Amino acid sequence: DLPRLGDVSGLRGVHLQCHIGTDTVSLARLGAQMSGLD
């Protein structure tokens, strides 16, 4: 979904139902300030 996500740098984001966090850390690597909840 990178073409749809666009630039997430600097955004404060939360990943709901994040399980073991691989998508969460991926968004953090793209520059978002991430939290995860499970």
PDB file of all heavy atoms in Angstrom:
ATOM      1  N   ASP A   1       0.797  -1.227   0.000  1.00  0.00           N
ATOM      2  CA  ASP A   1       0.000   0.000   0.000  1.00  0.00           C
ATOM      3  C   ASP A   1       0.829   1.276   0.000  1.00  0.00           C
ATOM      4  O   ASP A   1       0.273   2.369   0.196  1.00  0.00           O
ATOM      5  CB  ASP A   1      -0.935   0.009   1.216  1.00  0.00           C
ATOM      6  CG  ASP A   1      -2.262  -0.679   0.919  1.00  0.00           C
ATOM      7  OD1 ASP A   1      -2.813  -0.436  -0.166  1.00  0.00           O
ATOM      8  OD2 ASP A   1      -2.740  -1.457   1.760  1.00  0.00           O
ATOM      9  N   LEU A   2       2.112   1.185  -0.241  1.00  0.00           N
ATOM     10  CA  LEU A   2       2.944   2.393  -0.247  1.00  0.00           C
ATOM     11  C   LEU A   2       2.415   3.478  -1.191  1.00  0.00           C
ATOM     12  O   LEU A   2       2.400   4.657  -0.824  1.00  0.00           O
ATOM     13  CB  LEU A   2       4.387   2.043  -0.619  1.00  0.00           C
ATOM     14  CG  LEU A   2       5.260   1.481   0.503  1.00  0.00           C
ATOM     15  CD1 LEU A   2       6.635   1.119  -0.041  1.00  0.00           C
ATOM     16  CD2 LEU A   2       5.386   2.473   1.644  1.00  0.00           C
ATOM     17  N   PRO A   3       1.960   3.136  -2.411  1.00  0.00           N
ATOM     18  CA  PRO A   3       1.449   4.198  -3.290  1.00  0.00           C
ATOM     19  C   PRO A   3       0.203   4.885  -2.723  1.00  0.00           C
ATOM     20  O   PRO A   3      -0.079   6.034  -3.070  1.00  0.00           O
ATOM     21  CB  PRO A   3       1.119   3.454  -4.588  1.00  0.00           C
ATOM     22  CG  PRO A   3       1.929   2.199  -4.546  1.00  0.00           C
ATOM     23  CD  PRO A   3       1.984   1.825  -3.105  1.00  0.00           C
ATOM     24  N   ARG A   4      -0.548   4.192  -1.879  1.00  0.00           N
ATOM     25  CA  ARG A   4      -1.781   4.749  -1.310  1.00  0.00           C
ATOM     26  C   ARG A   4      -1.513   5.478   0.003  1.00  0.00           C
ATOM     27  O   ARG A   4      -2.193   6.445   0.327  1.00  0.00           O
ATOM     28  CB  ARG A   4      -2.806   3.634  -1.089  1.00  0.00           C
ATOM     29  CG  ARG A   4      -3.138   2.873  -2.374  1.00  0.00           C
ATOM     30  CD  ARG A   4      -3.874   1.570  -2.095  1.00  0.00           C
ATOM     31  NE  ARG A   4      -4.002   0.772  -3.305  1.00  0.00           N
ATOM     32  CZ  ARG A   4      -3.081  -0.071  -3.746  1.00  0.00           C
ATOM     33  NH1 ARG A   4      -1.951  -0.249  -3.050  1.00  0.00           N
ATOM     34  NH2 ARG A   4      -3.254  -0.736  -4.866  1.00  0.00           N
ATOM     35  N   LEU A   5      -0.530   5.007   0.743  1.00  0.00           N
ATOM     36  CA  LEU A   5      -0.201   5.624   2.027  1.00  0.00           C
ATOM     37  C   LEU A   5       0.310   7.048   1.866  1.00  0.00           C
ATOM     38  O   LEU A   5      -0.032   7.940   2.640  1.00  0.00           O
ATOM     39  CB  LEU A   5       0.867   4.799   2.740  1.00  0.00           C
ATOM     40  CG  LEU A   5       0.422   3.736   3.723  1.00  0.00           C
ATOM     41  CD1 LEU A   5       1.617   2.890   4.149  1.00  0.00           C
ATOM     42  CD2 LEU A   5      -0.255   4.345   4.935  1.00  0.00           C
ATOM     43  N   GLY A   6       1.155   7.249   0.877  1.00  0.00           N
ATOM     44  CA  GLY A   6       1.783   8.556   0.726  1.00  0.00           C
ATOM     45  C   GLY A   6       2.818   8.770   1.822  1.00  0.00           C
ATOM     46  O   GLY A   6       3.268   7.840   2.494  1.00  0.00           O
ATOM     47  N   ASP A   7       3.187  10.000   2.040  1.00  0.00           N
ATOM     48  CA  ASP A   7       4.212  10.365   3.021  1.00  0.00           C
ATOM     49  C   ASP A   7       3.583  10.401   4.420  1.00  0.00           C
ATOM     50  O   ASP A   7       2.679  11.186   4.688  1.00  0.00           O
ATOM     51  CB  ASP A   7       4.800  11.726   2.669  1.00  0.00           C
ATOM     52  CG  ASP A   7       5.962  12.118   3.579  1.00  0.00           C
ATOM     53  OD1 ASP A   7       6.382  11.283   4.408  1.00  0.00           O
ATOM     54  OD2 ASP A   7       6.432  13.259   3.473  1.00  0.00           O
ATOM     55  N   VAL A   8       4.075   9.541   5.312  1.00  0.00           N
ATOM     56  CA  VAL A   8       3.562   9.526   6.689  1.00  0.00           C
ATOM     57  C   VAL A   8       4.567  10.115   7.667  1.00  0.00           C
ATOM     58  O   VAL A   8       4.369  10.059   8.885  1.00  0.00           O
ATOM     59  CB  VAL A   8       3.187   8.095   7.119  1.00  0.00           C
ATOM     60  CG1 VAL A   8       2.064   7.554   6.253  1.00  0.00           C
ATOM     61  CG2 VAL A   8       4.398   7.161   7.093  1.00  0.00           C
ATOM     62  N   SER A   9       5.624  10.700   7.159  1.00  0.00           N
ATOM     63  CA  SER A   9       6.668  11.265   8.020  1.00  0.00           C
ATOM     64  C   SER A   9       6.084  12.285   8.991  1.00  0.00           C
ATOM     65  O   SER A   9       5.347  13.189   8.588  1.00  0.00           O
ATOM     66  CB  SER A   9       7.754  11.938   7.181  1.00  0.00           C
ATOM     67  OG  SER A   9       8.387  11.008   6.334  1.00  0.00           O
ATOM     68  N   GLY A  10       6.414  12.120  10.252  1.00  0.00           N
ATOM     69  CA  GLY A  10       5.992  13.079  11.264  1.00  0.00           C
ATOM     70  C   GLY A  10       4.585  12.897  11.790  1.00  0.00           C
ATOM     71  O   GLY A  10       4.189  13.559  12.752  1.00  0.00           O
ATOM     72  N   LEU A  11       3.808  12.004  11.179  1.00  0.00           N
ATOM     73  CA  LEU A  11       2.449  11.781  11.648  1.00  0.00           C
ATOM     74  C   LEU A  11       2.460  10.965  12.938  1.00  0.00           C
ATOM     75  O   LEU A  11       3.245  10.030  13.093  1.00  0.00           O
ATOM     76  CB  LEU A  11       1.619  11.045  10.598  1.00  0.00           C
ATOM     77  CG  LEU A  11       1.385  11.751   9.257  1.00  0.00           C
ATOM     78  CD1 LEU A  11       0.493  10.890   8.374  1.00  0.00           C
ATOM     79  CD2 LEU A  11       0.767  13.115   9.470  1.00  0.00           C
ATOM     80  N   ARG A  12       1.580  11.306  13.846  1.00  0.00           N
ATOM     81  CA  ARG A  12       1.399  10.477  15.027  1.00  0.00           C
ATOM     82  C   ARG A  12       0.353   9.424  14.697  1.00  0.00           C
ATOM     83  O   ARG A  12      -0.801   9.755  14.393  1.00  0.00           O
ATOM     84  CB  ARG A  12       0.946  11.308  16.229  1.00  0.00           C
ATOM     85  CG  ARG A  12       0.947  10.482  17.516  1.00  0.00           C
ATOM     86  CD  ARG A  12       0.561  11.263  18.735  1.00  0.00           C
ATOM     87  NE  ARG A  12       0.691  10.423  19.926  1.00  0.00           N
ATOM     88  CZ  ARG A  12       0.043  10.622  21.068  1.00  0.00           C
ATOM     89  NH1 ARG A  12      -0.782  11.653  21.179  1.00  0.00           N
ATOM     90  NH2 ARG A  12       0.218   9.807  22.083  1.00  0.00           N
ATOM     91  N   GLY A  13       0.770   8.162  14.709  1.00  0.00           N
ATOM     92  CA  GLY A  13      -0.114   7.101  14.274  1.00  0.00           C
ATOM     93  C   GLY A  13      -0.281   6.015  15.312  1.00  0.00           C
ATOM     94  O   GLY A  13       0.579   5.812  16.171  1.00  0.00           O
ATOM     95  N   VAL A  14      -1.392   5.298  15.225  1.00  0.00           N
ATOM     96  CA  VAL A  14      -1.630   4.140  16.075  1.00  0.00           C
ATOM     97  C   VAL A  14      -2.104   2.982  15.207  1.00  0.00           C
ATOM     98  O   VAL A  14      -2.937   3.159  14.318  1.00  0.00           O
ATOM     99  CB  VAL A  14      -2.652   4.438  17.193  1.00  0.00           C
ATOM    100  CG1 VAL A  14      -4.000   4.884  16.636  1.00  0.00           C
ATOM    101  CG2 VAL A  14      -2.821   3.225  18.115  1.00  0.00           C
ATOM    102  N   HIS A  15      -1.551   1.825  15.469  1.00  0.00           N
ATOM    103  CA  HIS A  15      -1.917   0.602  14.772  1.00  0.00           C
ATOM    104  C   HIS A  15      -2.786  -0.217  15.711  1.00  0.00           C
ATOM    105  O   HIS A  15      -2.295  -0.737  16.729  1.00  0.00           O
ATOM    106  CB  HIS A  15      -0.650  -0.161  14.381  1.00  0.00           C
ATOM    107  CG  HIS A  15      -0.910  -1.450  13.674  1.00  0.00           C
ATOM    108  ND1 HIS A  15       0.088  -2.342  13.375  1.00  0.00           N
ATOM    109  CD2 HIS A  15      -2.058  -2.014  13.200  1.00  0.00           C
ATOM    110  CE1 HIS A  15      -0.420  -3.393  12.767  1.00  0.00           C
ATOM    111  NE2 HIS A  15      -1.722  -3.223  12.651  1.00  0.00           N
ATOM    112  N   LEU A  16      -4.067  -0.334  15.411  1.00  0.00           N
ATOM    113  CA  LEU A  16      -4.992  -1.094  16.235  1.00  0.00           C
ATOM    114  C   LEU A  16      -4.895  -2.578  15.901  1.00  0.00           C
ATOM    115  O   LEU A  16      -4.773  -2.944  14.744  1.00  0.00           O
ATOM    116  CB  LEU A  16      -6.425  -0.605  16.021  1.00  0.00           C
ATOM    117  CG  LEU A  16      -6.712   0.855  16.384  1.00  0.00           C
ATOM    118  CD1 LEU A  16      -8.175   1.181  16.104  1.00  0.00           C
ATOM    119  CD2 LEU A  16      -6.355   1.140  17.845  1.00  0.00           C
ATOM    120  N   GLN A  17      -5.004  -3.415  16.944  1.00  0.00           N
ATOM    121  CA  GLN A  17      -4.900  -4.873  16.789  1.00  0.00           C
ATOM    122  C   GLN A  17      -3.599  -5.221  16.060  1.00  0.00           C
ATOM    123  O   GLN A  17      -3.576  -5.900  15.044  1.00  0.00           O
ATOM    124  CB  GLN A  17      -6.126  -5.419  16.056  1.00  0.00           C
ATOM    125  CG  GLN A  17      -7.441  -5.170  16.828  1.00  0.00           C
ATOM    126  CD  GLN A  17      -8.662  -5.466  16.003  1.00  0.00           C
ATOM    127  OE1 GLN A  17      -9.148  -4.597  15.273  1.00  0.00           O
ATOM    128  NE2 GLN A  17      -9.168  -6.692  16.093  1.00  0.00           N
ATOM    129  N   CYS A  18      -2.505  -4.772  16.627  1.00  0.00           N
ATOM    130  CA  CYS A  18      -1.206  -4.782  15.952  1.00  0.00           C
ATOM    131  C   CYS A  18      -0.486  -6.123  16.014  1.00  0.00           C
ATOM    132  O   CYS A  18       0.518  -6.310  15.331  1.00  0.00           O
ATOM    133  CB  CYS A  18      -0.311  -3.699  16.539  1.00  0.00           C
ATOM    134  SG  CYS A  18       0.122  -3.973  18.287  1.00  0.00           S
ATOM    135  N   HIS A  19      -0.943  -7.059  16.838  1.00  0.00           N
ATOM    136  CA  HIS A  19      -0.305  -8.359  17.010  1.00  0.00           C
ATOM    137  C   HIS A  19       1.176  -8.162  17.361  1.00  0.00           C
ATOM    138  O   HIS A  19       1.472  -7.422  18.293  1.00  0.00           O
ATOM    139  CB  HIS A  19      -0.521  -9.233  15.775  1.00  0.00           C
ATOM    140  CG  HIS A  19      -0.141 -10.669  15.962  1.00  0.00           C
ATOM    141  ND1 HIS A  19      -0.386 -11.356  17.138  1.00  0.00           N
ATOM    142  CD2 HIS A  19       0.498 -11.557  15.136  1.00  0.00           C
ATOM    143  CE1 HIS A  19       0.064 -12.596  17.032  1.00  0.00           C
ATOM    144  NE2 HIS A  19       0.598 -12.748  15.829  1.00  0.00           N
ATOM    145  N   ILE A  20       2.116  -8.769  16.634  1.00  0.00           N
ATOM    146  CA  ILE A  20       3.525  -8.697  17.031  1.00  0.00           C
ATOM    147  C   ILE A  20       4.252  -7.503  16.414  1.00  0.00           C
ATOM    148  O   ILE A  20       5.473  -7.391  16.508  1.00  0.00           O
ATOM    149  CB  ILE A  20       4.276 -10.006  16.729  1.00  0.00           C
ATOM    150  CG1 ILE A  20       4.280 -10.335  15.245  1.00  0.00           C
ATOM    151  CG2 ILE A  20       3.677 -11.151  17.537  1.00  0.00           C
ATOM    152  CD1 ILE A  20       5.167 -11.539  14.882  1.00  0.00           C
ATOM    153  N   GLY A  21       3.519  -6.602  15.768  1.00  0.00           N
ATOM    154  CA  GLY A  21       4.050  -5.284  15.468  1.00  0.00           C
ATOM    155  C   GLY A  21       4.865  -5.108  14.207  1.00  0.00           C
ATOM    156  O   GLY A  21       5.494  -4.058  14.022  1.00  0.00           O
ATOM    157  N   THR A  22       4.831  -6.068  13.276  1.00  0.00           N
ATOM    158  CA  THR A  22       5.656  -5.900  12.079  1.00  0.00           C
ATOM    159  C   THR A  22       5.161  -4.766  11.182  1.00  0.00           C
ATOM    160  O   THR A  22       5.972  -4.029  10.602  1.00  0.00           O
ATOM    161  CB  THR A  22       5.729  -7.211  11.273  1.00  0.00           C
ATOM    162  OG1 THR A  22       4.406  -7.722  11.078  1.00  0.00           O
ATOM    163  CG2 THR A  22       6.558  -8.246  12.018  1.00  0.00           C
ATOM    164  N   ASP A  23       3.854  -4.606  11.063  1.00  0.00           N
ATOM    165  CA  ASP A  23       3.332  -3.466  10.290  1.00  0.00           C
ATOM    166  C   ASP A  23       3.566  -2.161  11.048  1.00  0.00           C
ATOM    167  O   ASP A  23       3.828  -1.116  10.435  1.00  0.00           O
ATOM    168  CB  ASP A  23       1.837  -3.640  10.010  1.00  0.00           C
ATOM    169  CG  ASP A  23       1.543  -4.801   9.079  1.00  0.00           C
ATOM    170  OD1 ASP A  23       2.469  -5.262   8.383  1.00  0.00           O
ATOM    171  OD2 ASP A  23       0.393  -5.254   9.050  1.00  0.00           O
ATOM    172  N   THR A  24       3.485  -2.221  12.369  1.00  0.00           N
ATOM    173  CA  THR A  24       3.695  -1.025  13.198  1.00  0.00           C
ATOM    174  C   THR A  24       5.106  -0.488  13.015  1.00  0.00           C
ATOM    175  O   THR A  24       5.305   0.716  12.789  1.00  0.00           O
ATOM    176  CB  THR A  24       3.459  -1.348  14.686  1.00  0.00           C
ATOM    177  OG1 THR A  24       2.441  -2.319  14.835  1.00  0.00           O
ATOM    178  CG2 THR A  24       3.113  -0.092  15.460  1.00  0.00           C
ATOM    179  N   VAL A  25       6.099  -1.368  13.122  1.00  0.00           N
ATOM    180  CA  VAL A  25       7.485  -0.907  12.973  1.00  0.00           C
ATOM    181  C   VAL A  25       7.771  -0.508  11.528  1.00  0.00           C
ATOM    182  O   VAL A  25       8.619   0.359  11.277  1.00  0.00           O
ATOM    183  CB  VAL A  25       8.492  -1.971  13.464  1.00  0.00           C
ATOM    184  CG1 VAL A  25       8.252  -2.308  14.932  1.00  0.00           C
ATOM    185  CG2 VAL A  25       8.470  -3.224  12.617  1.00  0.00           C
ATOM    186  N   SER A  26       7.055  -1.101  10.588  1.00  0.00           N
ATOM    187  CA  SER A  26       7.221  -0.692   9.190  1.00  0.00           C
ATOM    188  C   SER A  26       6.796   0.759   8.997  1.00  0.00           C
ATOM    189  O   SER A  26       7.481   1.534   8.317  1.00  0.00           O
ATOM    190  CB  SER A  26       6.406  -1.604   8.277  1.00  0.00           C
ATOM    191  OG  SER A  26       6.873  -2.931   8.333  1.00  0.00           O
ATOM    192  N   LEU A  27       5.681   1.136   9.589  1.00  0.00           N
ATOM    193  CA  LEU A  27       5.224   2.528   9.507  1.00  0.00           C
ATOM    194  C   LEU A  27       6.189   3.461  10.231  1.00  0.00           C
ATOM    195  O   LEU A  27       6.430   4.593   9.799  1.00  0.00           O
ATOM    196  CB  LEU A  27       3.818   2.645  10.085  1.00  0.00           C
ATOM    197  CG  LEU A  27       2.725   1.957   9.255  1.00  0.00           C
ATOM    198  CD1 LEU A  27       1.437   1.832  10.060  1.00  0.00           C
ATOM    199  CD2 LEU A  27       2.463   2.710   7.962  1.00  0.00           C
ATOM    200  N   ALA A  28       6.771   2.982  11.331  1.00  0.00           N
ATOM    201  CA  ALA A  28       7.773   3.790  12.030  1.00  0.00           C
ATOM    202  C   ALA A  28       9.006   3.992  11.156  1.00  0.00           C
ATOM    203  O   ALA A  28       9.602   5.084  11.147  1.00  0.00           O
ATOM    204  CB  ALA A  28       8.152   3.115  13.347  1.00  0.00           C
ATOM    205  N   ARG A  29       9.383   2.960  10.426  1.00  0.00           N
ATOM    206  CA  ARG A  29      10.528   3.096   9.518  1.00  0.00           C
ATOM    207  C   ARG A  29      10.243   4.070   8.382  1.00  0.00           C
ATOM    208  O   ARG A  29      11.175   4.620   7.790  1.00  0.00           O
ATOM    209  CB  ARG A  29      10.918   1.729   8.963  1.00  0.00           C
ATOM    210  CG  ARG A  29      11.739   0.908   9.940  1.00  0.00           C
ATOM    211  CD  ARG A  29      12.229  -0.399   9.365  1.00  0.00           C
ATOM    212  NE  ARG A  29      13.317  -0.926  10.180  1.00  0.00           N
ATOM    213  CZ  ARG A  29      13.924  -2.091   9.988  1.00  0.00           C
ATOM    214  NH1 ARG A  29      13.540  -2.870   8.969  1.00  0.00           N
ATOM    215  NH2 ARG A  29      14.902  -2.478  10.774  1.00  0.00           N
ATOM    216  N   LEU A  30       8.972   4.273   8.092  1.00  0.00           N
ATOM    217  CA  LEU A  30       8.597   5.257   7.072  1.00  0.00           C
ATOM    218  C   LEU A  30       8.499   6.667   7.637  1.00  0.00           C
ATOM    219  O   LEU A  30       8.174   7.601   6.911  1.00  0.00           O
ATOM    220  CB  LEU A  30       7.269   4.855   6.433  1.00  0.00           C
ATOM    221  CG  LEU A  30       7.288   3.567   5.598  1.00  0.00           C
ATOM    222  CD1 LEU A  30       5.878   3.216   5.130  1.00  0.00           C
ATOM    223  CD2 LEU A  30       8.225   3.692   4.400  1.00  0.00           C
ATOM    224  N   GLY A  31       8.746   6.813   8.928  1.00  0.00           N
ATOM    225  CA  GLY A  31       8.815   8.140   9.525  1.00  0.00           C
ATOM    226  C   GLY A  31       7.679   8.530  10.429  1.00  0.00           C
ATOM    227  O   GLY A  31       7.684   9.629  10.997  1.00  0.00           O
ATOM    228  N   ALA A  32       6.671   7.657  10.591  1.00  0.00           N
ATOM    229  CA  ALA A  32       5.561   7.975  11.484  1.00  0.00           C
ATOM    230  C   ALA A  32       5.966   7.748  12.938  1.00  0.00           C
ATOM    231  O   ALA A  32       6.796   6.888  13.242  1.00  0.00           O
ATOM    232  CB  ALA A  32       4.345   7.120  11.147  1.00  0.00           C
ATOM    233  N   GLN A  33       5.387   8.514  13.820  1.00  0.00           N
ATOM    234  CA  GLN A  33       5.576   8.332  15.267  1.00  0.00           C
ATOM    235  C   GLN A  33       4.491   7.363  15.744  1.00  0.00           C
ATOM    236  O   GLN A  33       3.357   7.749  15.966  1.00  0.00           O
ATOM    237  CB  GLN A  33       5.452   9.674  15.996  1.00  0.00           C
ATOM    238  CG  GLN A  33       5.618   9.588  17.499  1.00  0.00           C
ATOM    239  CD  GLN A  33       5.310  10.906  18.175  1.00  0.00           C
ATOM    240  OE1 GLN A  33       5.262  11.961  17.537  1.00  0.00           O
ATOM    241  NE2 GLN A  33       5.083  10.849  19.484  1.00  0.00           N
ATOM    242  N   MET A  34       4.851   6.087  15.884  1.00  0.00           N
ATOM    243  CA  MET A  34       3.844   5.052  16.013  1.00  0.00           C
ATOM    244  C   MET A  34       3.640   4.539  17.438  1.00  0.00           C
ATOM    245  O   MET A  34       4.567   4.435  18.234  1.00  0.00           O
ATOM    246  CB  MET A  34       4.214   3.852  15.129  1.00  0.00           C
ATOM    247  CG  MET A  34       4.116   4.113  13.642  1.00  0.00           C
ATOM    248  SD  MET A  34       2.441   4.610  13.112  1.00  0.00           S
ATOM    249  CE  MET A  34       1.479   3.168  13.613  1.00  0.00           C
ATOM    250  N   SER A  35       2.368   4.204  17.698  1.00  0.00           N
ATOM    251  CA  SER A  35       1.968   3.409  18.851  1.00  0.00           C
ATOM    252  C   SER A  35       1.273   2.164  18.315  1.00  0.00           C
ATOM    253  O   SER A  35       0.777   2.146  17.193  1.00  0.00           O
ATOM    254  CB  SER A  35       1.005   4.184  19.755  1.00  0.00           C
ATOM    255  OG  SER A  35       1.583   5.378  20.229  1.00  0.00           O
ATOM    256  N   GLY A  36       1.234   1.134  19.143  1.00  0.00           N
ATOM    257  CA  GLY A  36       0.516  -0.075  18.783  1.00  0.00           C
ATOM    258  C   GLY A  36      -0.348  -0.529  19.934  1.00  0.00           C
ATOM    259  O   GLY A  36       0.002  -0.311  21.099  1.00  0.00           O
ATOM    260  N   LEU A  37      -1.479  -1.146  19.610  1.00  0.00           N
ATOM    261  CA  LEU A  37      -2.388  -1.626  20.645  1.00  0.00           C
ATOM    262  C   LEU A  37      -2.889  -3.014  20.280  1.00  0.00           C
ATOM    263  O   LEU A  37      -3.281  -3.257  19.138  1.00  0.00           O
ATOM    264  CB  LEU A  37      -3.557  -0.661  20.822  1.00  0.00           C
ATOM    265  CG  LEU A  37      -4.585  -1.014  21.902  1.00  0.00           C
ATOM    266  CD1 LEU A  37      -5.002   0.221  22.693  1.00  0.00           C
ATOM    267  CD2 LEU A  37      -5.814  -1.694  21.299  1.00  0.00           C
ATOM    268  N   ASP A  38      -2.858  -3.919  21.265  1.00  0.00           N
ATOM    269  CA  ASP A  38      -3.365  -5.272  21.046  1.00  0.00           C
ATOM    270  C   ASP A  38      -3.856  -5.824  22.380  1.00  0.00           C
ATOM    271  O   ASP A  38      -3.342  -5.436  23.439  1.00  0.00           O
ATOM    272  CB  ASP A  38      -2.265  -6.172  20.477  1.00  0.00           C
ATOM    273  CG  ASP A  38      -2.835  -7.433  19.836  1.00  0.00           C
ATOM    274  OD1 ASP A  38      -3.014  -8.432  20.556  1.00  0.00           O
ATOM    275  OD2 ASP A  38      -3.109  -7.399  18.623  1.00  0.00           O
TER     276      ASP A  38
END
